[in-house]
Amino acid sequence: MDGEENVGPFRRTSARTLRMATRMASALASSDNRAQAALARLEALESDNAGVEVVDLNDDEYGSTDEEDP
């Protein structure tokens, strides 16, 4: 029954999709729509990269390229 709730006109839309649709609609209505469309695309790319995982490059003592005396 849960799968049927998200079908057709009752399908849920993410807040990000709604926000970007609103920005794109205003950009298309503006006389300076190239700049606003570029800004909207840039903001979409930035929000897609928000959850980047940080990797510690020095976590493997055996994989180090530093020459150390034992």
N, C-alpha and C. Protein backbone atom coordinates (compact mmCIF):
# COMPACT_ATOMS: atom_id res chain seq x y z
N MET A 1 0.81 -1.18 0.00
CA MET A 1 0.00 0.00 0.00
C MET A 1 0.86 1.26 0.00
N ASP A 2 2.07 1.21 0.62
CA ASP A 2 2.94 2.38 0.63
C ASP A 2 3.40 2.74 -0.78
N GLY A 3 3.61 1.75 -1.63
CA GLY A 3 4.05 2.02 -2.99
C GLY A 3 2.99 2.72 -3.81
N GLU A 4 1.73 2.49 -3.50
CA GLU A 4 0.65 3.11 -4.25
C GLU A 4 0.48 4.58 -3.90
N GLU A 5 0.94 5.01 -2.73
CA GLU A 5 0.79 6.40 -2.33
C GLU A 5 1.65 7.34 -3.16
N ASN A 6 2.75 6.85 -3.70
CA ASN A 6 3.68 7.69 -4.44
C ASN A 6 3.50 7.57 -5.94
N VAL A 7 2.29 7.29 -6.39
CA VAL A 7 2.02 7.12 -7.81
C VAL A 7 1.05 8.20 -8.27
N GLY A 8 1.25 8.68 -9.49
CA GLY A 8 0.33 9.65 -10.06
C GLY A 8 0.43 11.02 -9.43
N PRO A 9 -0.71 11.70 -9.31
CA PRO A 9 -0.69 13.08 -8.80
C PRO A 9 -0.32 13.17 -7.32
N PHE A 10 -0.33 12.05 -6.60
CA PHE A 10 -0.03 12.05 -5.17
C PHE A 10 1.44 11.71 -4.90
N ARG A 11 2.23 11.63 -5.96
CA ARG A 11 3.64 11.30 -5.81
C ARG A 11 4.36 12.41 -5.07
N ARG A 12 5.22 12.02 -4.14
CA ARG A 12 5.98 13.01 -3.37
C ARG A 12 7.11 13.59 -4.22
N THR A 13 7.37 14.86 -4.02
CA THR A 13 8.47 15.53 -4.69
C THR A 13 9.39 16.10 -3.63
N SER A 14 10.68 15.93 -3.82
CA SER A 14 11.62 16.41 -2.81
C SER A 14 11.59 17.94 -2.73
N ALA A 15 11.96 18.45 -1.58
CA ALA A 15 12.01 19.90 -1.39
C ALA A 15 13.05 20.53 -2.31
N ARG A 16 14.14 19.82 -2.56
CA ARG A 16 15.18 20.34 -3.45
C ARG A 16 14.64 20.50 -4.87
N THR A 17 13.88 19.52 -5.34
CA THR A 17 13.31 19.60 -6.68
C THR A 17 12.37 20.78 -6.79
N LEU A 18 11.53 20.97 -5.79
CA LEU A 18 10.60 22.09 -5.80
C LEU A 18 11.35 23.42 -5.76
N ARG A 19 12.39 23.51 -4.95
CA ARG A 19 13.17 24.74 -4.83
C ARG A 19 13.85 25.07 -6.16
N MET A 20 14.45 24.06 -6.80
CA MET A 20 15.13 24.30 -8.06
C MET A 20 14.14 24.63 -9.17
N ALA A 21 12.98 24.02 -9.15
CA ALA A 21 11.96 24.32 -10.16
C ALA A 21 11.50 25.77 -10.02
N THR A 22 11.36 26.25 -8.80
CA THR A 22 10.96 27.63 -8.57
C THR A 22 12.03 28.59 -9.07
N ARG A 23 13.28 28.28 -8.80
CA ARG A 23 14.38 29.15 -9.26
C ARG A 23 14.47 29.16 -10.77
N MET A 24 14.32 28.00 -11.39
CA MET A 24 14.39 27.95 -12.85
C MET A 24 13.22 28.69 -13.49
N ALA A 25 12.04 28.60 -12.89
CA ALA A 25 10.88 29.31 -13.42
C ALA A 25 11.10 30.82 -13.35
N SER A 26 11.65 31.29 -12.24
CA SER A 26 11.91 32.73 -12.13
C SER A 26 13.03 33.16 -13.07
N ALA A 27 13.99 32.29 -13.31
CA ALA A 27 15.08 32.61 -14.23
C ALA A 27 14.56 32.72 -15.66
N LEU A 28 13.65 31.86 -16.03
CA LEU A 28 13.10 31.91 -17.38
C LEU A 28 12.20 33.12 -17.59
N ALA A 29 11.57 33.60 -16.53
CA ALA A 29 10.69 34.76 -16.62
C ALA A 29 11.48 36.07 -16.62
N SER A 30 12.71 36.04 -16.19
CA SER A 30 13.53 37.24 -16.08
C SER A 30 14.12 37.64 -17.42
N SER A 31 14.41 38.93 -17.57
CA SER A 31 15.07 39.39 -18.79
C SER A 31 16.54 38.98 -18.81
N ASP A 32 17.11 38.76 -17.63
CA ASP A 32 18.50 38.33 -17.51
C ASP A 32 18.54 36.84 -17.19
N ASN A 33 17.84 36.05 -18.01
CA ASN A 33 17.67 34.65 -17.67
C ASN A 33 18.94 33.82 -17.82
N ARG A 34 19.89 34.21 -18.63
CA ARG A 34 21.13 33.43 -18.75
C ARG A 34 21.89 33.42 -17.43
N ALA A 35 22.01 34.58 -16.81
CA ALA A 35 22.75 34.66 -15.55
C ALA A 35 22.03 33.91 -14.45
N GLN A 36 20.72 34.06 -14.38
CA GLN A 36 19.98 33.38 -13.32
C GLN A 36 19.95 31.88 -13.54
N ALA A 37 19.87 31.43 -14.78
CA ALA A 37 19.90 29.99 -15.06
C ALA A 37 21.26 29.40 -14.71
N ALA A 38 22.32 30.14 -15.02
CA ALA A 38 23.66 29.68 -14.67
C ALA A 38 23.82 29.61 -13.16
N LEU A 39 23.29 30.60 -12.45
CA LEU A 39 23.35 30.60 -10.99
C LEU A 39 22.58 29.41 -10.41
N ALA A 40 21.42 29.12 -10.95
CA ALA A 40 20.62 27.99 -10.47
C ALA A 40 21.34 26.67 -10.70
N ARG A 41 21.99 26.53 -11.87
CA ARG A 41 22.75 25.30 -12.14
C ARG A 41 23.94 25.17 -11.20
N LEU A 42 24.62 26.28 -10.93
CA LEU A 42 25.75 26.26 -10.02
C LEU A 42 25.31 25.86 -8.62
N GLU A 43 24.21 26.41 -8.15
CA GLU A 43 23.71 26.06 -6.82
C GLU A 43 23.30 24.60 -6.76
N ALA A 44 22.76 24.07 -7.85
CA ALA A 44 22.39 22.65 -7.88
C ALA A 44 23.64 21.78 -7.78
N LEU A 45 24.69 22.15 -8.50
CA LEU A 45 25.93 21.39 -8.43
C LEU A 45 26.55 21.45 -7.04
N GLU A 46 26.52 22.63 -6.43
CA GLU A 46 27.08 22.77 -5.09
C GLU A 46 26.32 21.94 -4.08
N SER A 47 25.02 21.88 -4.19
CA SER A 47 24.24 21.10 -3.23
C SER A 47 24.42 19.60 -3.47
N ASP A 48 24.71 19.20 -4.71
CA ASP A 48 24.98 17.79 -4.98
C ASP A 48 26.30 17.35 -4.36
N ASN A 49 27.25 18.27 -4.23
CA ASN A 49 28.57 17.95 -3.69
C ASN A 49 28.68 18.24 -2.20
N ALA A 50 27.58 18.53 -1.55
CA ALA A 50 27.63 18.93 -0.14
C ALA A 50 28.07 17.80 0.78
N GLY A 51 27.78 16.56 0.42
CA GLY A 51 28.09 15.44 1.30
C GLY A 51 29.37 14.72 0.95
N VAL A 52 30.38 15.43 0.54
CA VAL A 52 31.64 14.81 0.14
C VAL A 52 32.33 14.24 1.37
N GLU A 53 32.81 13.02 1.24
CA GLU A 53 33.49 12.34 2.35
C GLU A 53 34.96 12.76 2.38
N VAL A 54 35.44 13.06 3.58
CA VAL A 54 36.84 13.45 3.75
C VAL A 54 37.66 12.19 4.01
N VAL A 55 38.74 12.03 3.27
CA VAL A 55 39.60 10.86 3.39
C VAL A 55 40.94 11.29 3.96
N ASP A 56 41.40 10.59 4.98
CA ASP A 56 42.71 10.87 5.57
C ASP A 56 43.77 10.15 4.75
N LEU A 57 44.63 10.93 4.11
CA LEU A 57 45.64 10.34 3.23
C LEU A 57 46.79 9.70 3.99
N ASN A 58 46.93 9.99 5.27
CA ASN A 58 48.05 9.47 6.05
C ASN A 58 47.61 8.38 7.01
N ASP A 59 46.63 7.60 6.66
CA ASP A 59 46.13 6.58 7.58
C ASP A 59 46.82 5.23 7.40
N ASP A 60 47.69 5.09 6.41
CA ASP A 60 48.36 3.82 6.15
C ASP A 60 49.86 4.00 6.30
N GLU A 61 50.41 3.52 7.42
CA GLU A 61 51.84 3.71 7.67
C GLU A 61 52.70 2.87 6.73
N TYR A 62 52.19 1.76 6.20
CA TYR A 62 52.97 0.91 5.31
C TYR A 62 52.93 1.42 3.87
N GLY A 63 51.95 2.20 3.54
CA GLY A 63 51.82 2.72 2.18
C GLY A 63 52.49 4.07 2.00
N SER A 64 53.19 4.53 3.00
CA SER A 64 53.83 5.84 2.95
C SER A 64 55.01 5.81 1.99
N THR A 65 55.20 6.91 1.27
CA THR A 65 56.34 7.01 0.37
C THR A 65 57.52 7.70 1.04
N ASP A 66 57.34 8.15 2.27
CA ASP A 66 58.43 8.78 3.02
C ASP A 66 59.46 7.71 3.39
N GLU A 67 60.71 8.05 3.20
CA GLU A 67 61.77 7.12 3.58
C GLU A 67 62.16 7.38 5.03
N GLU A 68 61.87 6.41 5.86
CA GLU A 68 62.19 6.53 7.28
C GLU A 68 63.10 5.39 7.69
N ASP A 69 63.99 5.66 8.63
CA ASP A 69 64.86 4.61 9.16
C ASP A 69 64.09 3.79 10.18
N PRO A 70 64.18 2.45 10.10
CA PRO A 70 63.44 1.62 11.06
C PRO A 70 64.03 1.66 12.45
